[in-house]
Amino acid sequence: MADGTSIPADLLTPAIRRPQPKSSMQKFMRQRSTIAFLMALPLILLILCLVVYPAFYAIYLSMLNKKMTAFVGLKNFTYLLNRNTFQLVIFQSCLFAITSVVLKALLGFMLAHLMHNISGKYQRVWRGLLLVPWVIPLALSTLTWWWMFDPSYSAFNWLLNQLGFDSVPWLGTGWTARFCTILVNVWFGTPFFMIMYMAALKSVPEQLYEAASIDGAGAIQKLFFVTLPMMRNIISITVLFSLIVTFADFDIVRILTSGGPQDMTHVFATYAFQVGIQSGDIPLGASISLFMLPILAVAAYFVLRGVNKRTKEIAT
């Protein structure tokens, strides 16, 4: 300045504050993955309490004797495998689950195509009507089916008698009772497949069908070369989920037949209930229920491996 004095530059310009370094805890809490984990933590704790802990406790129980006083290892499993009744339960469980899932998948796929081709308000009406079996509580609807199969008051037998045919013991013979349990499961589960496949059909771009039409493809060719390849992942996941639920089904068999006649309709869940709860052998009942685990684990492995492979192919 003129008088020879100078003013420091830091007084003429406002001081620039340097940001304070954030602590590692603050950085950790602001990460999106941390926030997502904290939001999912209540659900994780619920799964640990209601799924993981009971599963490991069931494994522990299956290795005890009937009085639950001594550790017997795998003797309960070897004992079950040597019993003819349990071999029949394995056969019936696989027959019940696989047949039901295949029929539900086929019927659900056909109904989804029919609903997809219906436009306007009529689609909503029919879709609502077809979802009724899935919305009604399973135990309540199974009781209605039991009344229709009942030998004294069977609505089906009344109809057969009116047409001049003899009454059928629907739940009194082995293969007929098996057919009835599968029929009720298919009736209940088909709407779930239908609604899942309808959602998958709506996600298929119309441009693919237009391109296939230009190339001269017919309806069957569009189905096998456009629709099914685009729906494979949804079909696989839906089949896997339904297979798990069907293997663990309890209500239908318990209400309709209670495992009879002659244990020919027992599945894992109903036989485990009979042995573990009604007969008082909880370790053996836990062993029966655990036989579903390897079967479903193998099915889940192959299905999910196929889904991951197709997802990677699409991504590349």
C-alpha atoms as a PDB file:
ATOM      1  CA  MET A   1       0.000   0.000   0.000  1.00  0.00           C
ATOM      2  CA  ALA A   2       1.010   3.741  -0.167  1.00  0.00           C
ATOM      3  CA  ASP A   3       2.015   3.926   3.503  1.00  0.00           C
ATOM      4  CA  GLY A   4       4.194   0.879   3.161  1.00  0.00           C
ATOM      5  CA  THR A   5       1.935  -1.379   5.160  1.00  0.00           C
ATOM      6  CA  SER A   6       0.496  -4.589   3.747  1.00  0.00           C
ATOM      7  CA  ILE A   7      -2.601  -6.575   4.580  1.00  0.00           C
ATOM      8  CA  PRO A   8      -2.306 -10.349   4.646  1.00  0.00           C
ATOM      9  CA  ALA A   9      -4.067 -12.029   1.773  1.00  0.00           C
ATOM     10  CA  ASP A  10      -6.006 -14.325   4.089  1.00  0.00           C
ATOM     11  CA  LEU A  11      -7.819 -11.255   5.488  1.00  0.00           C
ATOM     12  CA  LEU A  12      -8.883 -10.006   2.057  1.00  0.00           C
ATOM     13  CA  THR A  13     -10.424 -13.324   0.895  1.00  0.00           C
ATOM     14  CA  PRO A  14     -12.611 -15.533   3.024  1.00  0.00           C
ATOM     15  CA  ALA A  15     -10.865 -18.565   4.342  1.00  0.00           C
ATOM     16  CA  ILE A  16     -11.690 -21.791   2.541  1.00  0.00           C
ATOM     17  CA  ARG A  17     -12.658 -24.457   5.008  1.00  0.00           C
ATOM     18  CA  ARG A  18     -11.216 -27.815   4.275  1.00  0.00           C
ATOM     19  CA  PRO A  19     -13.682 -30.685   4.697  1.00  0.00           C
ATOM     20  CA  GLN A  20     -13.002 -32.710   7.752  1.00  0.00           C
ATOM     21  CA  PRO A  21     -12.084 -36.291   6.982  1.00  0.00           C
ATOM     22  CA  LYS A  22     -15.000 -38.631   7.572  1.00  0.00           C
ATOM     23  CA  SER A  23     -14.585 -41.450  10.007  1.00  0.00           C
ATOM     24  CA  SER A  24     -14.673 -45.010   8.760  1.00  0.00           C
ATOM     25  CA  MET A  25     -17.965 -45.574  10.617  1.00  0.00           C
ATOM     26  CA  GLN A  26     -19.610 -42.649   8.794  1.00  0.00           C
ATOM     27  CA  LYS A  27     -18.408 -43.982   5.443  1.00  0.00           C
ATOM     28  CA  PHE A  28     -19.678 -47.446   6.322  1.00  0.00           C
ATOM     29  CA  MET A  29     -23.124 -46.178   7.375  1.00  0.00           C
ATOM     30  CA  ARG A  30     -23.547 -44.121   4.192  1.00  0.00           C
ATOM     31  CA  GLN A  31     -22.913 -47.005   1.826  1.00  0.00           C
ATOM     32  CA  ARG A  32     -25.960 -48.208  -0.080  1.00  0.00           C
ATOM     33  CA  SER A  33     -25.216 -51.827   0.747  1.00  0.00           C
ATOM     34  CA  THR A  34     -25.179 -50.999   4.464  1.00  0.00           C
ATOM     35  CA  ILE A  35     -28.505 -49.187   4.276  1.00  0.00           C
ATOM     36  CA  ALA A  36     -30.028 -52.074   2.345  1.00  0.00           C
ATOM     37  CA  PHE A  37     -28.727 -54.564   4.919  1.00  0.00           C
ATOM     38  CA  LEU A  38     -30.152 -52.572   7.824  1.00  0.00           C
ATOM     39  CA  MET A  39     -33.531 -52.324   6.122  1.00  0.00           C
ATOM     40  CA  ALA A  40     -33.547 -56.079   5.487  1.00  0.00           C
ATOM     41  CA  LEU A  41     -32.288 -56.933   8.970  1.00  0.00           C
ATOM     42  CA  PRO A  42     -35.773 -57.464  10.535  1.00  0.00           C
ATOM     43  CA  LEU A  43     -36.655 -59.932   7.773  1.00  0.00           C
ATOM     44  CA  ILE A  44     -33.294 -61.691   8.156  1.00  0.00           C
ATOM     45  CA  LEU A  45     -33.868 -62.072  11.897  1.00  0.00           C
ATOM     46  CA  LEU A  46     -37.368 -63.387  11.259  1.00  0.00           C
ATOM     47  CA  ILE A  47     -36.036 -65.992   8.823  1.00  0.00           C
ATOM     48  CA  LEU A  48     -33.328 -67.016  11.298  1.00  0.00           C
ATOM     49  CA  CYS A  49     -35.874 -67.473  14.074  1.00  0.00           C
ATOM     50  CA  LEU A  50     -38.645 -69.168  12.101  1.00  0.00           C
ATOM     51  CA  VAL A  51     -36.738 -71.089   9.402  1.00  0.00           C
ATOM     52  CA  VAL A  52     -33.037 -71.590  10.106  1.00  0.00           C
ATOM     53  CA  TYR A  53     -33.270 -72.420  13.811  1.00  0.00           C
ATOM     54  CA  PRO A  54     -36.185 -74.880  13.406  1.00  0.00           C
ATOM     55  CA  ALA A  55     -34.359 -76.556  10.519  1.00  0.00           C
ATOM     56  CA  PHE A  56     -31.193 -77.171  12.535  1.00  0.00           C
ATOM     57  CA  TYR A  57     -33.259 -78.207  15.550  1.00  0.00           C
ATOM     58  CA  ALA A  58     -35.120 -80.736  13.384  1.00  0.00           C
ATOM     59  CA  ILE A  59     -31.758 -82.172  12.255  1.00  0.00           C
ATOM     60  CA  TYR A  60     -30.734 -82.460  15.901  1.00  0.00           C
ATOM     61  CA  LEU A  61     -34.017 -84.169  16.857  1.00  0.00           C
ATOM     62  CA  SER A  62     -33.722 -86.662  13.999  1.00  0.00           C
ATOM     63  CA  MET A  63     -30.538 -88.032  15.542  1.00  0.00           C
ATOM     64  CA  LEU A  64     -32.081 -88.844  18.932  1.00  0.00           C
ATOM     65  CA  ASN A  65     -33.910 -91.937  20.132  1.00  0.00           C
ATOM     66  CA  LYS A  66     -37.668 -92.033  20.727  1.00  0.00           C
ATOM     67  CA  LYS A  67     -37.346 -90.826  24.337  1.00  0.00           C
ATOM     68  CA  MET A  68     -34.916 -88.087  23.194  1.00  0.00           C
ATOM     69  CA  THR A  69     -32.385 -89.194  25.785  1.00  0.00           C
ATOM     70  CA  ALA A  70     -29.604 -90.645  23.629  1.00  0.00           C
ATOM     71  CA  PHE A  71     -27.840 -89.802  20.380  1.00  0.00           C
ATOM     72  CA  VAL A  72     -28.383 -92.487  17.714  1.00  0.00           C
ATOM     73  CA  GLY A  73     -26.902 -90.815  14.633  1.00  0.00           C
ATOM     74  CA  LEU A  74     -28.448 -91.940  11.349  1.00  0.00           C
ATOM     75  CA  LYS A  75     -30.268 -94.986  12.731  1.00  0.00           C
ATOM     76  CA  ASN A  76     -33.665 -93.323  12.334  1.00  0.00           C
ATOM     77  CA  PHE A  77     -33.028 -92.803   8.618  1.00  0.00           C
ATOM     78  CA  THR A  78     -31.830 -96.376   8.020  1.00  0.00           C
ATOM     79  CA  TYR A  79     -34.811 -97.692   9.976  1.00  0.00           C
ATOM     80  CA  LEU A  80     -37.220 -95.728   7.784  1.00  0.00           C
ATOM     81  CA  LEU A  81     -35.609 -96.805   4.529  1.00  0.00           C
ATOM     82  CA  ASN A  82     -36.045-100.459   5.490  1.00  0.00           C
ATOM     83  CA  ARG A  83     -39.792-100.051   6.097  1.00  0.00           C
ATOM     84  CA  ASN A  84     -42.166-100.866   3.254  1.00  0.00           C
ATOM     85  CA  THR A  85     -44.613 -98.212   4.417  1.00  0.00           C
ATOM     86  CA  PHE A  86     -42.029 -95.455   4.144  1.00  0.00           C
ATOM     87  CA  GLN A  87     -40.912 -96.671   0.716  1.00  0.00           C
ATOM     88  CA  LEU A  88     -44.547 -96.314  -0.317  1.00  0.00           C
ATOM     89  CA  VAL A  89     -44.560 -92.785   1.165  1.00  0.00           C
ATOM     90  CA  ILE A  90     -41.526 -91.834  -0.941  1.00  0.00           C
ATOM     91  CA  PHE A  91     -43.191 -93.161  -4.093  1.00  0.00           C
ATOM     92  CA  GLN A  92     -46.490 -91.450  -3.343  1.00  0.00           C
ATOM     93  CA  SER A  93     -44.821 -88.119  -2.460  1.00  0.00           C
ATOM     94  CA  CYS A  94     -42.889 -88.056  -5.727  1.00  0.00           C
ATOM     95  CA  LEU A  95     -45.940 -89.162  -7.726  1.00  0.00           C
ATOM     96  CA  PHE A  96     -48.156 -86.576  -6.049  1.00  0.00           C
ATOM     97  CA  ALA A  97     -45.710 -83.675  -6.415  1.00  0.00           C
ATOM     98  CA  ILE A  98     -44.361 -84.335  -9.917  1.00  0.00           C
ATOM     99  CA  THR A  99     -47.725 -85.195 -11.486  1.00  0.00           C
ATOM    100  CA  SER A 100     -49.430 -82.206  -9.874  1.00  0.00           C
ATOM    101  CA  VAL A 101     -46.721 -79.744 -10.907  1.00  0.00           C
ATOM    102  CA  VAL A 102     -46.633 -80.991 -14.515  1.00  0.00           C
ATOM    103  CA  LEU A 103     -50.420 -80.741 -14.843  1.00  0.00           C
ATOM    104  CA  LYS A 104     -50.499 -77.312 -13.185  1.00  0.00           C
ATOM    105  CA  ALA A 105     -47.772 -76.053 -15.503  1.00  0.00           C
ATOM    106  CA  LEU A 106     -49.550 -77.301 -18.640  1.00  0.00           C
ATOM    107  CA  LEU A 107     -53.008 -76.066 -17.638  1.00  0.00           C
ATOM    108  CA  GLY A 108     -51.625 -72.766 -16.359  1.00  0.00           C
ATOM    109  CA  PHE A 109     -49.764 -72.218 -19.627  1.00  0.00           C
ATOM    110  CA  MET A 110     -52.897 -72.865 -21.702  1.00  0.00           C
ATOM    111  CA  LEU A 111     -55.078 -70.642 -19.516  1.00  0.00           C
ATOM    112  CA  ALA A 112     -52.474 -67.878 -19.609  1.00  0.00           C
ATOM    113  CA  HIS A 113     -52.510 -67.913 -23.415  1.00  0.00           C
ATOM    114  CA  LEU A 114     -56.296 -67.826 -23.468  1.00  0.00           C
ATOM    115  CA  MET A 115     -56.407 -64.900 -21.044  1.00  0.00           C
ATOM    116  CA  HIS A 116     -53.629 -63.100 -22.920  1.00  0.00           C
ATOM    117  CA  ASN A 117     -55.665 -63.199 -26.121  1.00  0.00           C
ATOM    118  CA  ILE A 118     -58.818 -61.848 -24.455  1.00  0.00           C
ATOM    119  CA  SER A 119     -58.864 -58.045 -24.473  1.00  0.00           C
ATOM    120  CA  GLY A 120     -60.659 -55.404 -22.467  1.00  0.00           C
ATOM    121  CA  LYS A 121     -62.833 -55.861 -19.425  1.00  0.00           C
ATOM    122  CA  TYR A 122     -63.616 -59.486 -20.256  1.00  0.00           C
ATOM    123  CA  GLN A 123     -60.030 -60.458 -19.463  1.00  0.00           C
ATOM    124  CA  ARG A 124     -60.317 -58.934 -15.985  1.00  0.00           C
ATOM    125  CA  VAL A 125     -63.598 -60.750 -15.348  1.00  0.00           C
ATOM    126  CA  TRP A 126     -62.309 -64.159 -16.438  1.00  0.00           C
ATOM    127  CA  ARG A 127     -59.000 -63.641 -14.669  1.00  0.00           C
ATOM    128  CA  GLY A 128     -60.811 -62.851 -11.429  1.00  0.00           C
ATOM    129  CA  LEU A 129     -63.035 -65.932 -11.761  1.00  0.00           C
ATOM    130  CA  LEU A 130     -60.080 -68.222 -12.483  1.00  0.00           C
ATOM    131  CA  LEU A 131     -58.185 -66.895  -9.466  1.00  0.00           C
ATOM    132  CA  VAL A 132     -60.993 -67.877  -7.067  1.00  0.00           C
ATOM    133  CA  PRO A 133     -59.634 -71.410  -6.351  1.00  0.00           C
ATOM    134  CA  TRP A 134     -56.272 -69.937  -5.372  1.00  0.00           C
ATOM    135  CA  VAL A 135     -57.814 -67.213  -3.187  1.00  0.00           C
ATOM    136  CA  ILE A 136     -60.074 -69.507  -1.135  1.00  0.00           C
ATOM    137  CA  PRO A 137     -58.283 -70.975   1.928  1.00  0.00           C
ATOM    138  CA  LEU A 138     -57.027 -74.435   1.009  1.00  0.00           C
ATOM    139  CA  ALA A 139     -58.452 -76.188   4.064  1.00  0.00           C
ATOM    140  CA  LEU A 140     -61.920 -74.778   3.379  1.00  0.00           C
ATOM    141  CA  SER A 141     -61.941 -75.680  -0.307  1.00  0.00           C
ATOM    142  CA  THR A 142     -60.588 -79.169   0.456  1.00  0.00           C
ATOM    143  CA  LEU A 143     -63.497 -79.746   2.832  1.00  0.00           C
ATOM    144  CA  THR A 144     -65.849 -78.934  -0.055  1.00  0.00           C
ATOM    145  CA  TRP A 145     -64.063 -81.438  -2.259  1.00  0.00           C
ATOM    146  CA  TRP A 146     -64.254 -84.020   0.536  1.00  0.00           C
ATOM    147  CA  TRP A 147     -68.030 -83.560   0.639  1.00  0.00           C
ATOM    148  CA  MET A 148     -68.224 -84.076  -3.141  1.00  0.00           C
ATOM    149  CA  PHE A 149     -66.168 -87.284  -2.814  1.00  0.00           C
ATOM    150  CA  ASP A 150     -68.003 -88.571   0.275  1.00  0.00           C
ATOM    151  CA  PRO A 151     -69.600 -92.006  -0.428  1.00  0.00           C
ATOM    152  CA  SER A 152     -72.910 -91.081   1.237  1.00  0.00           C
ATOM    153  CA  TYR A 153     -73.400 -87.538  -0.070  1.00  0.00           C
ATOM    154  CA  SER A 154     -71.143 -87.454  -3.136  1.00  0.00           C
ATOM    155  CA  ALA A 155     -72.295 -84.970  -5.742  1.00  0.00           C
ATOM    156  CA  PHE A 156     -70.222 -86.831  -8.341  1.00  0.00           C
ATOM    157  CA  ASN A 157     -71.894 -90.150  -7.512  1.00  0.00           C
ATOM    158  CA  TRP A 158     -75.326 -88.531  -7.660  1.00  0.00           C
ATOM    159  CA  LEU A 159     -74.513 -87.271 -11.142  1.00  0.00           C
ATOM    160  CA  LEU A 160     -73.218 -90.689 -12.193  1.00  0.00           C
ATOM    161  CA  ASN A 161     -76.359 -92.350 -10.838  1.00  0.00           C
ATOM    162  CA  GLN A 162     -78.546 -89.934 -12.792  1.00  0.00           C
ATOM    163  CA  LEU A 163     -76.681 -90.968 -15.937  1.00  0.00           C
ATOM    164  CA  GLY A 164     -77.140 -94.651 -15.151  1.00  0.00           C
ATOM    165  CA  PHE A 165     -73.662 -95.463 -13.831  1.00  0.00           C
ATOM    166  CA  ASP A 166     -72.723 -97.070 -10.523  1.00  0.00           C
ATOM    167  CA  SER A 167     -71.285 -95.065  -7.629  1.00  0.00           C
ATOM    168  CA  VAL A 168     -67.508 -94.801  -7.375  1.00  0.00           C
ATOM    169  CA  PRO A 169     -65.673 -95.150  -4.024  1.00  0.00           C
ATOM    170  CA  TRP A 170     -63.593 -92.048  -4.707  1.00  0.00           C
ATOM    171  CA  LEU A 171     -61.580 -92.126  -1.488  1.00  0.00           C
ATOM    172  CA  GLY A 172     -61.958 -95.837  -0.749  1.00  0.00           C
ATOM    173  CA  THR A 173     -59.486 -97.378  -3.196  1.00  0.00           C
ATOM    174  CA  GLY A 174     -55.786 -96.625  -3.600  1.00  0.00           C
ATOM    175  CA  TRP A 175     -55.365 -95.270  -7.111  1.00  0.00           C
ATOM    176  CA  THR A 176     -58.719 -93.504  -7.102  1.00  0.00           C
ATOM    177  CA  ALA A 177     -57.811 -91.738  -3.849  1.00  0.00           C
ATOM    178  CA  ARG A 178     -54.443 -90.766  -5.338  1.00  0.00           C
ATOM    179  CA  PHE A 179     -56.228 -89.325  -8.352  1.00  0.00           C
ATOM    180  CA  CYS A 180     -58.511 -87.307  -6.078  1.00  0.00           C
ATOM    181  CA  THR A 181     -55.652 -85.775  -4.087  1.00  0.00           C
ATOM    182  CA  ILE A 182     -53.803 -84.837  -7.279  1.00  0.00           C
ATOM    183  CA  LEU A 183     -57.000 -83.392  -8.772  1.00  0.00           C
ATOM    184  CA  VAL A 184     -57.600 -81.107  -5.795  1.00  0.00           C
ATOM    185  CA  ASN A 185     -53.983 -79.922  -5.790  1.00  0.00           C
ATOM    186  CA  VAL A 186     -54.129 -79.150  -9.517  1.00  0.00           C
ATOM    187  CA  TRP A 187     -57.434 -77.303  -9.078  1.00  0.00           C
ATOM    188  CA  PHE A 188     -55.936 -75.175  -6.307  1.00  0.00           C
ATOM    189  CA  GLY A 189     -52.515 -74.459  -7.830  1.00  0.00           C
ATOM    190  CA  THR A 190     -53.275 -73.888 -11.521  1.00  0.00           C
ATOM    191  CA  PRO A 191     -54.333 -70.218 -11.061  1.00  0.00           C
ATOM    192  CA  PHE A 192     -50.896 -69.429  -9.594  1.00  0.00           C
ATOM    193  CA  PHE A 193     -49.201 -70.749 -12.739  1.00  0.00           C
ATOM    194  CA  MET A 194     -51.703 -68.881 -14.888  1.00  0.00           C
ATOM    195  CA  ILE A 195     -51.030 -65.489 -13.311  1.00  0.00           C
ATOM    196  CA  MET A 196     -47.240 -65.988 -13.406  1.00  0.00           C
ATOM    197  CA  TYR A 197     -47.289 -67.013 -17.055  1.00  0.00           C
ATOM    198  CA  MET A 198     -49.588 -64.137 -17.963  1.00  0.00           C
ATOM    199  CA  ALA A 199     -47.064 -61.716 -16.497  1.00  0.00           C
ATOM    200  CA  ALA A 200     -44.304 -63.417 -18.487  1.00  0.00           C
ATOM    201  CA  LEU A 201     -46.333 -63.269 -21.713  1.00  0.00           C
ATOM    202  CA  LYS A 202     -46.913 -59.540 -21.319  1.00  0.00           C
ATOM    203  CA  SER A 203     -43.150 -59.021 -21.052  1.00  0.00           C
ATOM    204  CA  VAL A 204     -42.453 -60.638 -24.453  1.00  0.00           C
ATOM    205  CA  PRO A 205     -41.887 -57.842 -27.009  1.00  0.00           C
ATOM    206  CA  GLU A 206     -44.466 -57.737 -29.793  1.00  0.00           C
ATOM    207  CA  GLN A 207     -41.666 -56.950 -32.265  1.00  0.00           C
ATOM    208  CA  LEU A 208     -40.446 -60.542 -31.954  1.00  0.00           C
ATOM    209  CA  TYR A 209     -43.825 -61.895 -33.050  1.00  0.00           C
ATOM    210  CA  GLU A 210     -43.963 -59.393 -35.907  1.00  0.00           C
ATOM    211  CA  ALA A 211     -40.484 -60.417 -37.080  1.00  0.00           C
ATOM    212  CA  ALA A 212     -41.461 -64.087 -36.865  1.00  0.00           C
ATOM    213  CA  SER A 213     -44.596 -63.402 -38.927  1.00  0.00           C
ATOM    214  CA  ILE A 214     -42.540 -61.655 -41.600  1.00  0.00           C
ATOM    215  CA  ASP A 215     -40.286 -64.720 -41.752  1.00  0.00           C
ATOM    216  CA  GLY A 216     -43.344 -66.885 -42.317  1.00  0.00           C
ATOM    217  CA  ALA A 217     -43.574 -68.495 -38.876  1.00  0.00           C
ATOM    218  CA  GLY A 218     -46.885 -70.008 -37.844  1.00  0.00           C
ATOM    219  CA  ALA A 219     -48.502 -70.152 -34.418  1.00  0.00           C
ATOM    220  CA  ILE A 220     -46.692 -73.347 -33.399  1.00  0.00           C
ATOM    221  CA  GLN A 221     -43.315 -71.991 -34.528  1.00  0.00           C
ATOM    222  CA  LYS A 222     -43.907 -68.747 -32.620  1.00  0.00           C
ATOM    223  CA  LEU A 223     -44.716 -70.778 -29.530  1.00  0.00           C
ATOM    224  CA  PHE A 224     -41.574 -72.905 -29.631  1.00  0.00           C
ATOM    225  CA  PHE A 225     -39.094 -70.365 -30.986  1.00  0.00           C
ATOM    226  CA  VAL A 226     -40.322 -67.093 -29.470  1.00  0.00           C
ATOM    227  CA  THR A 227     -42.667 -67.580 -26.517  1.00  0.00           C
ATOM    228  CA  LEU A 228     -41.043 -70.514 -24.715  1.00  0.00           C
ATOM    229  CA  PRO A 229     -37.428 -69.238 -24.999  1.00  0.00           C
ATOM    230  CA  MET A 230     -38.501 -65.858 -23.584  1.00  0.00           C
ATOM    231  CA  MET A 231     -40.441 -67.505 -20.745  1.00  0.00           C
ATOM    232  CA  ARG A 232     -37.954 -70.220 -19.760  1.00  0.00           C
ATOM    233  CA  ASN A 233     -36.686 -68.511 -16.620  1.00  0.00           C
ATOM    234  CA  ILE A 234     -40.181 -67.704 -15.335  1.00  0.00           C
ATOM    235  CA  ILE A 235     -41.326 -71.253 -16.094  1.00  0.00           C
ATOM    236  CA  SER A 236     -38.340 -72.734 -14.252  1.00  0.00           C
ATOM    237  CA  ILE A 237     -38.723 -70.552 -11.158  1.00  0.00           C
ATOM    238  CA  THR A 238     -42.488 -71.143 -10.992  1.00  0.00           C
ATOM    239  CA  VAL A 239     -42.068 -74.910 -11.335  1.00  0.00           C
ATOM    240  CA  LEU A 240     -39.393 -74.970  -8.635  1.00  0.00           C
ATOM    241  CA  PHE A 241     -41.490 -72.922  -6.208  1.00  0.00           C
ATOM    242  CA  SER A 242     -44.557 -75.069  -6.831  1.00  0.00           C
ATOM    243  CA  LEU A 243     -42.522 -78.260  -6.442  1.00  0.00           C
ATOM    244  CA  ILE A 244     -41.302 -77.145  -3.023  1.00  0.00           C
ATOM    245  CA  VAL A 245     -44.806 -76.187  -1.882  1.00  0.00           C
ATOM    246  CA  THR A 246     -46.385 -79.367  -3.264  1.00  0.00           C
ATOM    247  CA  PHE A 247     -43.830 -81.661  -1.626  1.00  0.00           C
ATOM    248  CA  ALA A 248     -44.612 -79.989   1.697  1.00  0.00           C
ATOM    249  CA  ASP A 249     -48.385 -80.119   1.175  1.00  0.00           C
ATOM    250  CA  PHE A 250     -50.322 -81.258   4.229  1.00  0.00           C
ATOM    251  CA  ASP A 251     -53.905 -79.989   4.099  1.00  0.00           C
ATOM    252  CA  ILE A 252     -55.186 -81.813   1.023  1.00  0.00           C
ATOM    253  CA  VAL A 253     -54.103 -85.332   1.962  1.00  0.00           C
ATOM    254  CA  ARG A 254     -54.858 -84.873   5.651  1.00  0.00           C
ATOM    255  CA  ILE A 255     -58.429 -83.685   5.056  1.00  0.00           C
ATOM    256  CA  LEU A 256     -59.342 -85.968   2.162  1.00  0.00           C
ATOM    257  CA  THR A 257     -57.839 -89.319   3.156  1.00  0.00           C
ATOM    258  CA  SER A 258     -55.616 -88.934   6.263  1.00  0.00           C
ATOM    259  CA  GLY A 259     -53.126 -91.076   4.361  1.00  0.00           C
ATOM    260  CA  GLY A 260     -55.509 -93.932   3.637  1.00  0.00           C
ATOM    261  CA  PRO A 261     -56.569 -96.312   2.350  1.00  0.00           C
ATOM    262  CA  GLN A 262     -53.767 -98.565   3.637  1.00  0.00           C
ATOM    263  CA  ASP A 263     -51.268 -95.673   3.725  1.00  0.00           C
ATOM    264  CA  MET A 264     -51.427 -95.374  -0.079  1.00  0.00           C
ATOM    265  CA  THR A 265     -51.916 -91.590  -0.159  1.00  0.00           C
ATOM    266  CA  HIS A 266     -49.490 -90.557   2.570  1.00  0.00           C
ATOM    267  CA  VAL A 267     -46.975 -87.856   1.677  1.00  0.00           C
ATOM    268  CA  PHE A 268     -43.981 -86.782   3.753  1.00  0.00           C
ATOM    269  CA  ALA A 269     -45.888 -84.136   5.710  1.00  0.00           C
ATOM    270  CA  THR A 270     -48.878 -86.286   6.670  1.00  0.00           C
ATOM    271  CA  TYR A 271     -46.767 -89.336   7.516  1.00  0.00           C
ATOM    272  CA  ALA A 272     -44.423 -87.212   9.633  1.00  0.00           C
ATOM    273  CA  PHE A 273     -47.462 -85.842  11.476  1.00  0.00           C
ATOM    274  CA  GLN A 274     -48.856 -89.313  12.061  1.00  0.00           C
ATOM    275  CA  VAL A 275     -45.567 -90.751  13.330  1.00  0.00           C
ATOM    276  CA  GLY A 276     -44.230 -87.710  15.143  1.00  0.00           C
ATOM    277  CA  ILE A 277     -47.348 -86.154  16.696  1.00  0.00           C
ATOM    278  CA  GLN A 278     -50.016 -88.836  16.819  1.00  0.00           C
ATOM    279  CA  SER A 279     -47.676 -91.725  17.673  1.00  0.00           C
ATOM    280  CA  GLY A 280     -45.411 -89.637  19.885  1.00  0.00           C
ATOM    281  CA  ASP A 281     -42.125 -90.429  18.123  1.00  0.00           C
ATOM    282  CA  ILE A 282     -40.912 -86.894  17.452  1.00  0.00           C
ATOM    283  CA  PRO A 283     -37.340 -87.828  16.362  1.00  0.00           C
ATOM    284  CA  LEU A 284     -38.671 -90.299  13.783  1.00  0.00           C
ATOM    285  CA  GLY A 285     -41.192 -87.722  12.563  1.00  0.00           C
ATOM    286  CA  ALA A 286     -38.388 -85.184  12.151  1.00  0.00           C
ATOM    287  CA  SER A 287     -36.407 -87.758  10.170  1.00  0.00           C
ATOM    288  CA  ILE A 288     -39.356 -88.263   7.811  1.00  0.00           C
ATOM    289  CA  SER A 289     -39.727 -84.551   7.162  1.00  0.00           C
ATOM    290  CA  LEU A 290     -35.996 -84.212   6.417  1.00  0.00           C
ATOM    291  CA  PHE A 291     -36.201 -86.696   3.560  1.00  0.00           C
ATOM    292  CA  MET A 292     -37.649 -83.873   1.443  1.00  0.00           C
ATOM    293  CA  LEU A 293     -34.428 -81.871   1.789  1.00  0.00           C
ATOM    294  CA  PRO A 294     -32.107 -83.828  -0.567  1.00  0.00           C
ATOM    295  CA  ILE A 295     -34.832 -84.246  -3.200  1.00  0.00           C
ATOM    296  CA  LEU A 296     -35.639 -80.532  -3.266  1.00  0.00           C
ATOM    297  CA  ALA A 297     -31.964 -79.554  -3.022  1.00  0.00           C
ATOM    298  CA  VAL A 298     -31.131 -81.531  -6.169  1.00  0.00           C
ATOM    299  CA  ALA A 299     -34.124 -80.065  -8.026  1.00  0.00           C
ATOM    300  CA  ALA A 300     -33.235 -76.522  -6.914  1.00  0.00           C
ATOM    301  CA  TYR A 301     -29.595 -76.974  -7.972  1.00  0.00           C
ATOM    302  CA  PHE A 302     -30.401 -77.984 -11.547  1.00  0.00           C
ATOM    303  CA  VAL A 303     -33.206 -75.446 -11.986  1.00  0.00           C
ATOM    304  CA  LEU A 304     -31.230 -72.487 -10.612  1.00  0.00           C
ATOM    305  CA  ARG A 305     -28.129 -73.502 -12.542  1.00  0.00           C
ATOM    306  CA  GLY A 306     -30.146 -73.418 -15.752  1.00  0.00           C
ATOM    307  CA  VAL A 307     -31.618 -70.020 -14.840  1.00  0.00           C
ATOM    308  CA  ASN A 308     -28.171 -68.541 -14.110  1.00  0.00           C
ATOM    309  CA  LYS A 309     -26.777 -69.941 -17.356  1.00  0.00           C
ATOM    310  CA  ARG A 310     -29.568 -68.422 -19.433  1.00  0.00           C
ATOM    311  CA  THR A 311     -29.280 -65.103 -17.590  1.00  0.00           C
ATOM    312  CA  LYS A 312     -25.571 -64.906 -18.411  1.00  0.00           C
ATOM    313  CA  GLU A 313     -26.282 -65.736 -22.060  1.00  0.00           C
ATOM    314  CA  ILE A 314     -28.802 -62.885 -22.237  1.00  0.00           C
ATOM    315  CA  ALA A 315     -26.401 -60.474 -20.531  1.00  0.00           C
ATOM    316  CA  THR A 316     -23.614 -61.224 -23.000  1.00  0.00           C
END
